[in-house]
PDB file of N, CA and C in Angstrom:
ATOM      1  N   MET A   1     168.823 214.130-119.256  1.00  0.00           N
ATOM      2  CA  MET A   1     169.848 213.144-118.936  1.00  0.00           C
ATOM      3  C   MET A   1     169.203 211.938-118.271  1.00  0.00           C
ATOM      4  N   THR A   2     169.755 210.800-118.544  1.00  0.00           N
ATOM      5  CA  THR A   2     169.202 209.614-117.920  1.00  0.00           C
ATOM      6  C   THR A   2     169.689 209.520-116.476  1.00  0.00           C
ATOM      7  N   LYS A   3     168.965 208.754-115.695  1.00  0.00           N
ATOM      8  CA  LYS A   3     169.359 208.564-114.294  1.00  0.00           C
ATOM      9  C   LYS A   3     170.743 207.947-114.190  1.00  0.00           C
ATOM     10  N   LYS A   4     171.046 207.010-115.093  1.00  0.00           N
ATOM     11  CA  LYS A   4     172.342 206.332-115.060  1.00  0.00           C
ATOM     12  C   LYS A   4     173.479 207.322-115.314  1.00  0.00           C
ATOM     13  N   LEU A   5     173.291 208.225-116.270  1.00  0.00           N
ATOM     14  CA  LEU A   5     174.321 209.215-116.580  1.00  0.00           C
ATOM     15  C   LEU A   5     174.505 210.185-115.425  1.00  0.00           C
ATOM     16  N   VAL A   6     173.416 210.608-114.830  1.00  0.00           N
ATOM     17  CA  VAL A   6     173.506 211.511-113.686  1.00  0.00           C
ATOM     18  C   VAL A   6     174.254 210.838-112.544  1.00  0.00           C
ATOM     19  N   LEU A   7     173.939 209.583-112.274  1.00  0.00           N
ATOM     20  CA  LEU A   7     174.632 208.849-111.220  1.00  0.00           C
ATOM     21  C   LEU A   7     176.114 208.736-111.542  1.00  0.00           C
ATOM     22  N   PHE A   8     176.440 208.426-112.801  1.00  0.00           N
ATOM     23  CA  PHE A   8     177.843 208.335-113.200  1.00  0.00           C
ATOM     24  C   PHE A   8     178.553 209.661-112.943  1.00  0.00           C
ATOM     25  N   LEU A   9     177.946 210.741-113.344  1.00  0.00           N
ATOM     26  CA  LEU A   9     178.581 212.052-113.187  1.00  0.00           C
ATOM     27  C   LEU A   9     178.830 212.376-111.721  1.00  0.00           C
ATOM     28  N   ILE A  10     177.881 212.067-110.881  1.00  0.00           N
ATOM     29  CA  ILE A  10     178.045 212.326-109.444  1.00  0.00           C
ATOM     30  C   ILE A  10     179.181 211.490-108.878  1.00  0.00           C
ATOM     31  N   VAL A  11     179.207 210.218-109.235  1.00  0.00           N
ATOM     32  CA  VAL A  11     180.262 209.324-108.745  1.00  0.00           C
ATOM     33  C   VAL A  11     181.622 209.767-109.265  1.00  0.00           C
ATOM     34  N   MET A  12     181.709 210.096-110.549  1.00  0.00           N
ATOM     35  CA  MET A  12     182.992 210.508-111.120  1.00  0.00           C
ATOM     36  C   MET A  12     183.497 211.803-110.499  1.00  0.00           C
ATOM     37  N   VAL A  13     182.610 212.745-110.246  1.00  0.00           N
ATOM     38  CA  VAL A  13     183.041 213.987-109.603  1.00  0.00           C
ATOM     39  C   VAL A  13     183.597 213.686-108.221  1.00  0.00           C
ATOM     40  N   ALA A  14     182.902 212.848-107.476  1.00  0.00           N
ATOM     41  CA  ALA A  14     183.373 212.505-106.131  1.00  0.00           C
ATOM     42  C   ALA A  14     184.723 211.806-106.182  1.00  0.00           C
ATOM     43  N   ILE A  15     184.861 210.842-107.080  1.00  0.00           N
ATOM     44  CA  ILE A  15     186.122 210.111-107.200  1.00  0.00           C
ATOM     45  C   ILE A  15     187.242 211.043-107.648  1.00  0.00           C
ATOM     46  N   CYS A  16     186.972 211.824-108.657  1.00  0.00           N
ATOM     47  CA  CYS A  16     188.020 212.666-109.233  1.00  0.00           C
ATOM     48  C   CYS A  16     188.398 213.823-108.336  1.00  0.00           C
ATOM     49  N   GLU A  17     187.454 214.367-107.611  1.00  0.00           N
ATOM     50  CA  GLU A  17     187.811 215.431-106.684  1.00  0.00           C
ATOM     51  C   GLU A  17     188.689 214.887-105.569  1.00  0.00           C
ATOM     52  N   ALA A  18     188.448 213.653-105.193  1.00  0.00           N
ATOM     53  CA  ALA A  18     189.274 213.045-104.155  1.00  0.00           C
ATOM     54  C   ALA A  18     190.667 212.716-104.685  1.00  0.00           C
ATOM     55  N   SER A  19     190.751 212.387-105.961  1.00  0.00           N
ATOM     56  CA  SER A  19     192.040 211.972-106.521  1.00  0.00           C
ATOM     57  C   SER A  19     192.614 212.968-107.521  1.00  0.00           C
ATOM     58  N   ASN A  20     191.981 214.117-107.664  1.00  0.00           N
ATOM     59  CA  ASN A  20     192.409 215.144-108.627  1.00  0.00           C
ATOM     60  C   ASN A  20     192.383 214.653-110.066  1.00  0.00           C
ATOM     61  N   GLY A  21     191.466 213.762-110.381  1.00  0.00           N
ATOM     62  CA  GLY A  21     191.322 213.284-111.747  1.00  0.00           C
ATOM     63  C   GLY A  21     191.999 211.947-111.961  1.00  0.00           C
ATOM     64  N   ILE A  22     191.976 211.526-113.195  1.00  0.00           N
ATOM     65  CA  ILE A  22     192.582 210.258-113.583  1.00  0.00           C
ATOM     66  C   ILE A  22     193.533 210.544-114.738  1.00  0.00           C
ATOM     67  N   CYS A  23     194.793 210.206-114.567  1.00  0.00           N
ATOM     68  CA  CYS A  23     195.798 210.338-115.629  1.00  0.00           C
ATOM     69  C   CYS A  23     195.831 211.751-116.223  1.00  0.00           C
ATOM     70  N   ASN A  24     195.783 212.738-115.371  1.00  0.00           N
ATOM     71  CA  ASN A  24     195.795 214.153-115.755  1.00  0.00           C
ATOM     72  C   ASN A  24     194.535 214.614-116.462  1.00  0.00           C
ATOM     73  N   LEU A  25     193.472 213.834-116.374  1.00  0.00           N
ATOM     74  CA  LEU A  25     192.148 214.288-116.817  1.00  0.00           C
ATOM     75  C   LEU A  25     191.387 214.715-115.579  1.00  0.00           C
ATOM     76  N   SER A  26     190.995 215.965-115.540  1.00  0.00           N
ATOM     77  CA  SER A  26     190.266 216.474-114.385  1.00  0.00           C
ATOM     78  C   SER A  26     188.856 215.892-114.349  1.00  0.00           C
ATOM     79  N   ALA A  27     188.209 216.055-113.232  1.00  0.00           N
ATOM     80  CA  ALA A  27     186.819 215.609-113.103  1.00  0.00           C
ATOM     81  C   ALA A  27     185.954 216.303-114.149  1.00  0.00           C
ATOM     82  N   MET A  28     186.204 217.590-114.381  1.00  0.00           N
ATOM     83  CA  MET A  28     185.403 218.332-115.356  1.00  0.00           C
ATOM     84  C   MET A  28     185.619 217.780-116.764  1.00  0.00           C
ATOM     85  N   ALA A  29     186.849 217.416-117.106  1.00  0.00           N
ATOM     86  CA  ALA A  29     187.114 216.843-118.429  1.00  0.00           C
ATOM     87  C   ALA A  29     186.387 215.512-118.587  1.00  0.00           C
ATOM     88  N   LEU A  30     186.402 214.701-117.543  1.00  0.00           N
ATOM     89  CA  LEU A  30     185.699 213.419-117.604  1.00  0.00           C
ATOM     90  C   LEU A  30     184.207 213.628-117.810  1.00  0.00           C
ATOM     91  N   ILE A  31     183.658 214.610-117.119  1.00  0.00           N
ATOM     92  CA  ILE A  31     182.228 214.916-117.263  1.00  0.00           C
ATOM     93  C   ILE A  31     181.934 215.396-118.680  1.00  0.00           C
ATOM     94  N   ARG A  32     182.799 216.238-119.206  1.00  0.00           N
ATOM     95  CA  ARG A  32     182.586 216.761-120.565  1.00  0.00           C
ATOM     96  C   ARG A  32     182.675 215.667-121.624  1.00  0.00           C
ATOM     97  N   CYS A  33     183.466 214.641-121.360  1.00  0.00           N
ATOM     98  CA  CYS A  33     183.629 213.554-122.334  1.00  0.00           C
ATOM     99  C   CYS A  33     182.573 212.469-122.199  1.00  0.00           C
ATOM    100  N   MET A  34     181.922 212.382-121.067  1.00  0.00           N
ATOM    101  CA  MET A  34     180.996 211.286-120.818  1.00  0.00           C
ATOM    102  C   MET A  34     179.890 211.160-121.866  1.00  0.00           C
ATOM    103  N   PRO A  35     179.255 212.243-122.307  1.00  0.00           N
ATOM    104  CA  PRO A  35     178.187 212.059-123.309  1.00  0.00           C
ATOM    105  C   PRO A  35     178.667 211.398-124.600  1.00  0.00           C
ATOM    106  N   ALA A  36     179.927 211.579-124.948  1.00  0.00           N
ATOM    107  CA  ALA A  36     180.447 211.010-126.192  1.00  0.00           C
ATOM    108  C   ALA A  36     180.859 209.553-126.051  1.00  0.00           C
ATOM    109  N   VAL A  37     181.054 209.075-124.836  1.00  0.00           N
ATOM    110  CA  VAL A  37     181.515 207.694-124.643  1.00  0.00           C
ATOM    111  C   VAL A  37     180.507 206.820-123.911  1.00  0.00           C
ATOM    112  N   SER A  38     179.361 207.361-123.625  1.00  0.00           N
ATOM    113  CA  SER A  38     178.335 206.636-122.888  1.00  0.00           C
ATOM    114  C   SER A  38     177.748 205.501-123.714  1.00  0.00           C
ATOM    115  N   THR A  39     177.421 204.408-123.044  1.00  0.00           N
ATOM    116  CA  THR A  39     176.718 203.315-123.719  1.00  0.00           C
ATOM    117  C   THR A  39     175.228 203.632-123.833  1.00  0.00           C
ATOM    118  N   ASP A  40     174.770 204.642-123.121  1.00  0.00           N
ATOM    119  CA  ASP A  40     173.358 205.008-123.071  1.00  0.00           C
ATOM    120  C   ASP A  40     173.140 206.330-123.812  1.00  0.00           C
ATOM    121  N   ASN A  41     172.683 206.264-125.055  1.00  0.00           N
ATOM    122  CA  ASN A  41     172.406 207.444-125.873  1.00  0.00           C
ATOM    123  C   ASN A  41     173.611 208.363-126.047  1.00  0.00           C
ATOM    124  N   PRO A  42     174.712 207.859-126.587  1.00  0.00           N
ATOM    125  CA  PRO A  42     175.896 208.708-126.753  1.00  0.00           C
ATOM    126  C   PRO A  42     175.670 209.787-127.810  1.00  0.00           C
ATOM    127  N   THR A  43     176.385 210.893-127.654  1.00  0.00           N
ATOM    128  CA  THR A  43     176.347 211.933-128.672  1.00  0.00           C
ATOM    129  C   THR A  43     177.266 211.514-129.818  1.00  0.00           C
ATOM    130  N   ALA A  44     176.995 212.028-131.001  1.00  0.00           N
ATOM    131  CA  ALA A  44     177.803 211.659-132.166  1.00  0.00           C
ATOM    132  C   ALA A  44     179.180 212.307-132.127  1.00  0.00           C
ATOM    133  N   ILE A  45     179.257 213.496-131.549  1.00  0.00           N
ATOM    134  CA  ILE A  45     180.508 214.251-131.551  1.00  0.00           C
ATOM    135  C   ILE A  45     180.815 214.693-130.127  1.00  0.00           C
ATOM    136  N   PRO A  46     182.073 214.522-129.673  1.00  0.00           N
ATOM    137  CA  PRO A  46     182.430 215.004-128.335  1.00  0.00           C
ATOM    138  C   PRO A  46     182.403 216.528-128.286  1.00  0.00           C
ATOM    139  N   THR A  47     182.202 217.063-127.103  1.00  0.00           N
ATOM    140  CA  THR A  47     182.197 218.517-126.942  1.00  0.00           C
ATOM    141  C   THR A  47     183.597 219.071-127.173  1.00  0.00           C
ATOM    142  N   GLU A  48     183.670 220.354-127.479  1.00  0.00           N
ATOM    143  CA  GLU A  48     184.974 220.992-127.662  1.00  0.00           C
ATOM    144  C   GLU A  48     185.769 220.944-126.361  1.00  0.00           C
ATOM    145  N   GLY A  49     185.077 221.079-125.212  1.00  0.00           N
ATOM    146  CA  GLY A  49     185.756 220.983-123.917  1.00  0.00           C
ATOM    147  C   GLY A  49     186.384 219.624-123.705  1.00  0.00           C
ATOM    148  N   CYS A  50     185.697 218.592-124.134  1.00  0.00           N
ATOM    149  CA  CYS A  50     186.241 217.230-124.052  1.00  0.00           C
ATOM    150  C   CYS A  50     187.469 217.114-124.945  1.00  0.00           C
ATOM    151  N   CYS A  51     187.338 217.555-126.183  1.00  0.00           N
ATOM    152  CA  CYS A  51     188.463 217.449-127.120  1.00  0.00           C
ATOM    153  C   CYS A  51     189.659 218.285-126.668  1.00  0.00           C
ATOM    154  N   ASP A  52     189.403 219.459-126.099  1.00  0.00           N
ATOM    155  CA  ASP A  52     190.507 220.271-125.575  1.00  0.00           C
ATOM    156  C   ASP A  52     191.281 219.489-124.524  1.00  0.00           C
ATOM    157  N   ALA A  53     190.549 218.813-123.643  1.00  0.00           N
ATOM    158  CA  ALA A  53     191.188 218.029-122.583  1.00  0.00           C
ATOM    159  C   ALA A  53     191.965 216.863-123.171  1.00  0.00           C
ATOM    160  N   VAL A  54     191.385 216.172-124.128  1.00  0.00           N
ATOM    161  CA  VAL A  54     192.039 215.017-124.749  1.00  0.00           C
ATOM    162  C   VAL A  54     193.292 215.460-125.505  1.00  0.00           C
ATOM    163  N   ARG A  55     193.194 216.572-126.223  1.00  0.00           N
ATOM    164  CA  ARG A  55     194.354 217.070-126.979  1.00  0.00           C
ATOM    165  C   ARG A  55     195.485 217.547-126.065  1.00  0.00           C
ATOM    166  N   SER A  56     195.157 217.898-124.829  1.00  0.00           N
ATOM    167  CA  SER A  56     196.187 218.396-123.915  1.00  0.00           C
ATOM    168  C   SER A  56     196.989 217.270-123.251  1.00  0.00           C
ATOM    169  N   LEU A  57     196.553 216.027-123.427  1.00  0.00           N
ATOM    170  CA  LEU A  57     197.233 214.910-122.780  1.00  0.00           C
ATOM    171  C   LEU A  57     198.549 214.565-123.475  1.00  0.00           C
ATOM    172  N   SER A  58     199.512 214.142-122.687  1.00  0.00           N
ATOM    173  CA  SER A  58     200.796 213.694-123.226  1.00  0.00           C
ATOM    174  C   SER A  58     200.719 212.201-123.544  1.00  0.00           C
ATOM    175  N   SER A  59     201.732 211.687-124.215  1.00  0.00           N
ATOM    176  CA  SER A  59     201.760 210.251-124.491  1.00  0.00           C
ATOM    177  C   SER A  59     201.812 209.456-123.187  1.00  0.00           C
ATOM    178  N   THR A  60     202.457 210.013-122.157  1.00  0.00           N
ATOM    179  CA  THR A  60     202.495 209.376-120.838  1.00  0.00           C
ATOM    180  C   THR A  60     201.093 209.304-120.238  1.00  0.00           C
ATOM    181  N   ASP A  61     200.314 210.368-120.412  1.00  0.00           N
ATOM    182  CA  ASP A  61     198.935 210.378-119.923  1.00  0.00           C
ATOM    183  C   ASP A  61     198.099 209.316-120.637  1.00  0.00           C
ATOM    184  N   PHE A  62     198.296 209.203-121.964  1.00  0.00           N
ATOM    185  CA  PHE A  62     197.555 208.178-122.706  1.00  0.00           C
ATOM    186  C   PHE A  62     197.953 206.780-122.248  1.00  0.00           C
ATOM    187  N   GLN A  63     199.238 206.576-121.980  1.00  0.00           N
ATOM    188  CA  GLN A  63     199.680 205.269-121.472  1.00  0.00           C
ATOM    189  C   GLN A  63     199.037 204.996-120.114  1.00  0.00           C
ATOM    190  N   CYS A  64     198.941 206.028-119.290  1.00  0.00           N
ATOM    191  CA  CYS A  64     198.282 205.902-117.992  1.00  0.00           C
ATOM    192  C   CYS A  64     196.829 205.469-118.181  1.00  0.00           C
ATOM    193  N   LEU A  65     196.125 206.076-119.139  1.00  0.00           N
ATOM    194  CA  LEU A  65     194.730 205.703-119.393  1.00  0.00           C
ATOM    195  C   LEU A  65     194.629 204.258-119.879  1.00  0.00           C
ATOM    196  N   CYS A  66     195.566 203.842-120.715  1.00  0.00           N
ATOM    197  CA  CYS A  66     195.575 202.441-121.165  1.00  0.00           C
ATOM    198  C   CYS A  66     195.783 201.504-119.972  1.00  0.00           C
ATOM    199  N   ASP A  67     196.743 201.860-119.133  1.00  0.00           N
ATOM    200  CA  ASP A  67     197.012 201.048-117.945  1.00  0.00           C
ATOM    201  C   ASP A  67     195.795 201.006-117.032  1.00  0.00           C
ATOM    202  N   TYR A  68     195.133 202.142-116.869  1.00  0.00           N
ATOM    203  CA  TYR A  68     193.933 202.216-116.026  1.00  0.00           C
ATOM    204  C   TYR A  68     192.851 201.294-116.590  1.00  0.00           C
ATOM    205  N   LYS A  69     192.656 201.351-117.899  1.00  0.00           N
ATOM    206  CA  LYS A  69     191.650 200.493-118.549  1.00  0.00           C
ATOM    207  C   LYS A  69     191.961 199.022-118.298  1.00  0.00           C
ATOM    208  N   ASN A  70     193.242 198.667-118.380  1.00  0.00           N
ATOM    209  CA  ASN A  70     193.633 197.265-118.213  1.00  0.00           C
ATOM    210  C   ASN A  70     193.612 196.797-116.764  1.00  0.00           C
ATOM    211  N   THR A  71     193.818 197.694-115.812  1.00  0.00           N
ATOM    212  CA  THR A  71     193.832 197.299-114.404  1.00  0.00           C
ATOM    213  C   THR A  71     192.481 197.499-113.710  1.00  0.00           C
ATOM    214  N   HIS A  72     191.575 198.225-114.347  1.00  0.00           N
ATOM    215  CA  HIS A  72     190.239 198.462-113.786  1.00  0.00           C
ATOM    216  C   HIS A  72     189.169 198.138-114.834  1.00  0.00           C
ATOM    217  N   PRO A  73     189.165 196.909-115.368  1.00  0.00           N
ATOM    218  CA  PRO A  73     188.260 196.597-116.480  1.00  0.00           C
ATOM    219  C   PRO A  73     186.784 196.747-116.148  1.00  0.00           C
ATOM    220  N   GLY A  74     186.413 196.556-114.901  1.00  0.00           N
ATOM    221  CA  GLY A  74     185.006 196.663-114.537  1.00  0.00           C
ATOM    222  C   GLY A  74     184.497 198.082-114.444  1.00  0.00           C
ATOM    223  N   ASP A  75     185.404 199.048-114.299  1.00  0.00           N
ATOM    224  CA  ASP A  75     184.982 200.441-114.150  1.00  0.00           C
ATOM    225  C   ASP A  75     184.239 200.952-115.380  1.00  0.00           C
ATOM    226  N   LEU A  76     184.734 200.631-116.567  1.00  0.00           N
ATOM    227  CA  LEU A  76     184.075 201.118-117.782  1.00  0.00           C
ATOM    228  C   LEU A  76     182.647 200.593-117.854  1.00  0.00           C
ATOM    229  N   GLN A  77     182.485 199.316-117.626  1.00  0.00           N
ATOM    230  CA  GLN A  77     181.147 198.726-117.671  1.00  0.00           C
ATOM    231  C   GLN A  77     180.271 199.286-116.560  1.00  0.00           C
ATOM    232  N   GLN A  78     180.817 199.397-115.367  1.00  0.00           N
ATOM    233  CA  GLN A  78     180.050 199.883-114.227  1.00  0.00           C
ATOM    234  C   GLN A  78     179.516 201.295-114.461  1.00  0.00           C
ATOM    235  N   TYR A  79     180.313 202.124-115.126  1.00  0.00           N
ATOM    236  CA  TYR A  79     179.917 203.514-115.345  1.00  0.00           C
ATOM    237  C   TYR A  79     179.368 203.758-116.741  1.00  0.00           C
ATOM    238  N   SER A  80     178.975 202.680-117.434  1.00  0.00           N
ATOM    239  CA  SER A  80     178.339 202.764-118.751  1.00  0.00           C
ATOM    240  C   SER A  80     179.189 203.487-119.783  1.00  0.00           C
ATOM    241  N   VAL A  81     180.493 203.194-119.769  1.00  0.00           N
ATOM    242  CA  VAL A  81     181.403 203.763-120.760  1.00  0.00           C
ATOM    243  C   VAL A  81     181.635 202.717-121.850  1.00  0.00           C
ATOM    244  N   ASP A  82     181.430 203.121-123.090  1.00  0.00           N
ATOM    245  CA  ASP A  82     181.674 202.251-124.235  1.00  0.00           C
ATOM    246  C   ASP A  82     183.164 202.317-124.554  1.00  0.00           C
ATOM    247  N   PRO A  83     183.910 201.224-124.347  1.00  0.00           N
ATOM    248  CA  PRO A  83     185.356 201.272-124.553  1.00  0.00           C
ATOM    249  C   PRO A  83     185.758 201.598-125.989  1.00  0.00           C
ATOM    250  N   THR A  84     184.961 201.197-126.956  1.00  0.00           N
ATOM    251  CA  THR A  84     185.266 201.495-128.353  1.00  0.00           C
ATOM    252  C   THR A  84     185.150 202.997-128.606  1.00  0.00           C
ATOM    253  N   ARG A  85     184.098 203.605-128.074  1.00  0.00           N
ATOM    254  CA  ARG A  85     183.917 205.057-128.242  1.00  0.00           C
ATOM    255  C   ARG A  85     185.004 205.819-127.480  1.00  0.00           C
ATOM    256  N   ALA A  86     185.362 205.335-126.300  1.00  0.00           N
ATOM    257  CA  ALA A  86     186.408 205.993-125.519  1.00  0.00           C
ATOM    258  C   ALA A  86     187.745 205.919-126.246  1.00  0.00           C
ATOM    259  N   ALA A  87     188.047 204.774-126.831  1.00  0.00           N
ATOM    260  CA  ALA A  87     189.306 204.608-127.551  1.00  0.00           C
ATOM    261  C   ALA A  87     189.363 205.465-128.811  1.00  0.00           C
ATOM    262  N   ALA A  88     188.206 205.820-129.353  1.00  0.00           N
ATOM    263  CA  ALA A  88     188.158 206.640-130.568  1.00  0.00           C
ATOM    264  C   ALA A  88     188.324 208.133-130.283  1.00  0.00           C
ATOM    265  N   LEU A  89     188.168 208.552-129.038  1.00  0.00           N
ATOM    266  CA  LEU A  89     188.239 209.983-128.714  1.00  0.00           C
ATOM    267  C   LEU A  89     189.529 210.657-129.194  1.00  0.00           C
ATOM    268  N   PRO A  90     190.705 210.092-128.939  1.00  0.00           N
ATOM    269  CA  PRO A  90     191.920 210.783-129.385  1.00  0.00           C
ATOM    270  C   PRO A  90     191.927 211.048-130.887  1.00  0.00           C
ATOM    271  N   SER A  91     191.518 210.086-131.670  1.00  0.00           N
ATOM    272  CA  SER A  91     191.474 210.263-133.123  1.00  0.00           C
ATOM    273  C   SER A  91     190.400 211.273-133.513  1.00  0.00           C
ATOM    274  N   THR A  92     189.222 211.129-132.923  1.00  0.00           N
ATOM    275  CA  THR A  92     188.115 212.035-133.215  1.00  0.00           C
ATOM    276  C   THR A  92     188.483 213.479-132.883  1.00  0.00           C
ATOM    277  N   CYS A  93     189.217 213.649-131.801  1.00  0.00           N
ATOM    278  CA  CYS A  93     189.582 214.990-131.337  1.00  0.00           C
ATOM    279  C   CYS A  93     190.894 215.498-131.941  1.00  0.00           C
ATOM    280  N   GLY A  94     191.574 214.666-132.711  1.00  0.00           N
ATOM    281  CA  GLY A  94     192.822 215.093-133.334  1.00  0.00           C
ATOM    282  C   GLY A  94     193.985 215.203-132.360  1.00  0.00           C
ATOM    283  N   ALA A  95     194.032 214.331-131.371  1.00  0.00           N
ATOM    284  CA  ALA A  95     195.123 214.348-130.393  1.00  0.00           C
ATOM    285  C   ALA A  95     196.402 213.851-131.051  1.00  0.00           C
ATOM    286  N   GLN A  96     197.470 214.621-130.933  1.00  0.00           N
ATOM    287  CA  GLN A  96     198.738 214.289-131.588  1.00  0.00           C
ATOM    288  C   GLN A  96     199.573 213.299-130.796  1.00  0.00           C
ATOM    289  N   ASN A  97     199.411 213.258-129.476  1.00  0.00           N
ATOM    290  CA  ASN A  97     200.253 212.417-128.615  1.00  0.00           C
ATOM    291  C   ASN A  97     199.633 211.066-128.288  1.00  0.00           C
ATOM    292  N   ALA A  98     198.513 210.737-128.919  1.00  0.00           N
ATOM    293  CA  ALA A  98     197.795 209.504-128.593  1.00  0.00           C
ATOM    294  C   ALA A  98     198.612 208.269-128.942  1.00  0.00           C
ATOM    295  N   ILE A  99     198.393 207.238-128.161  1.00  0.00           N
ATOM    296  CA  ILE A  99     198.999 205.937-128.422  1.00  0.00           C
ATOM    297  C   ILE A  99     197.864 204.928-128.528  1.00  0.00           C
ATOM    298  N   THR A 100     198.134 203.782-129.097  1.00  0.00           N
ATOM    299  CA  THR A 100     197.153 202.713-129.187  1.00  0.00           C
ATOM    300  C   THR A 100     197.306 201.803-127.979  1.00  0.00           C
ATOM    301  N   CYS A 101     196.216 201.608-127.271  1.00  0.00           N
ATOM    302  CA  CYS A 101     196.258 200.723-126.099  1.00  0.00           C
ATOM    303  C   CYS A 101     196.393 199.276-126.569  1.00  0.00           C
ATOM    304  N   THR A 102     197.179 198.528-125.794  1.00  0.00           N
ATOM    305  CA  THR A 102     197.325 197.102-126.114  1.00  0.00           C
ATOM    306  C   THR A 102     196.664 196.282-125.036  1.00  0.00           C
TER     307      THR A 102
END
């Protein structure tokens, strides 16, 4: 793992443990999804654990993630998250409740 990814994982665990996750995504789900959405050597396919978490989200949860993206635009860049790859996760994972962020 790169130093940047390790730092991201540590920061995300700390943030998510303090806030119990983001939009019903637990810290562990965020960690499992990070390799698939990273700007630094992303994996081609998300892990099954990541997809399980994404598929479990409701349309309200997806709207929350869209709102989070729009109100915290610097977070994705700061934590080396590729927004295009992140937006593709619901489709890649076959999430039925996904919405398109505007």
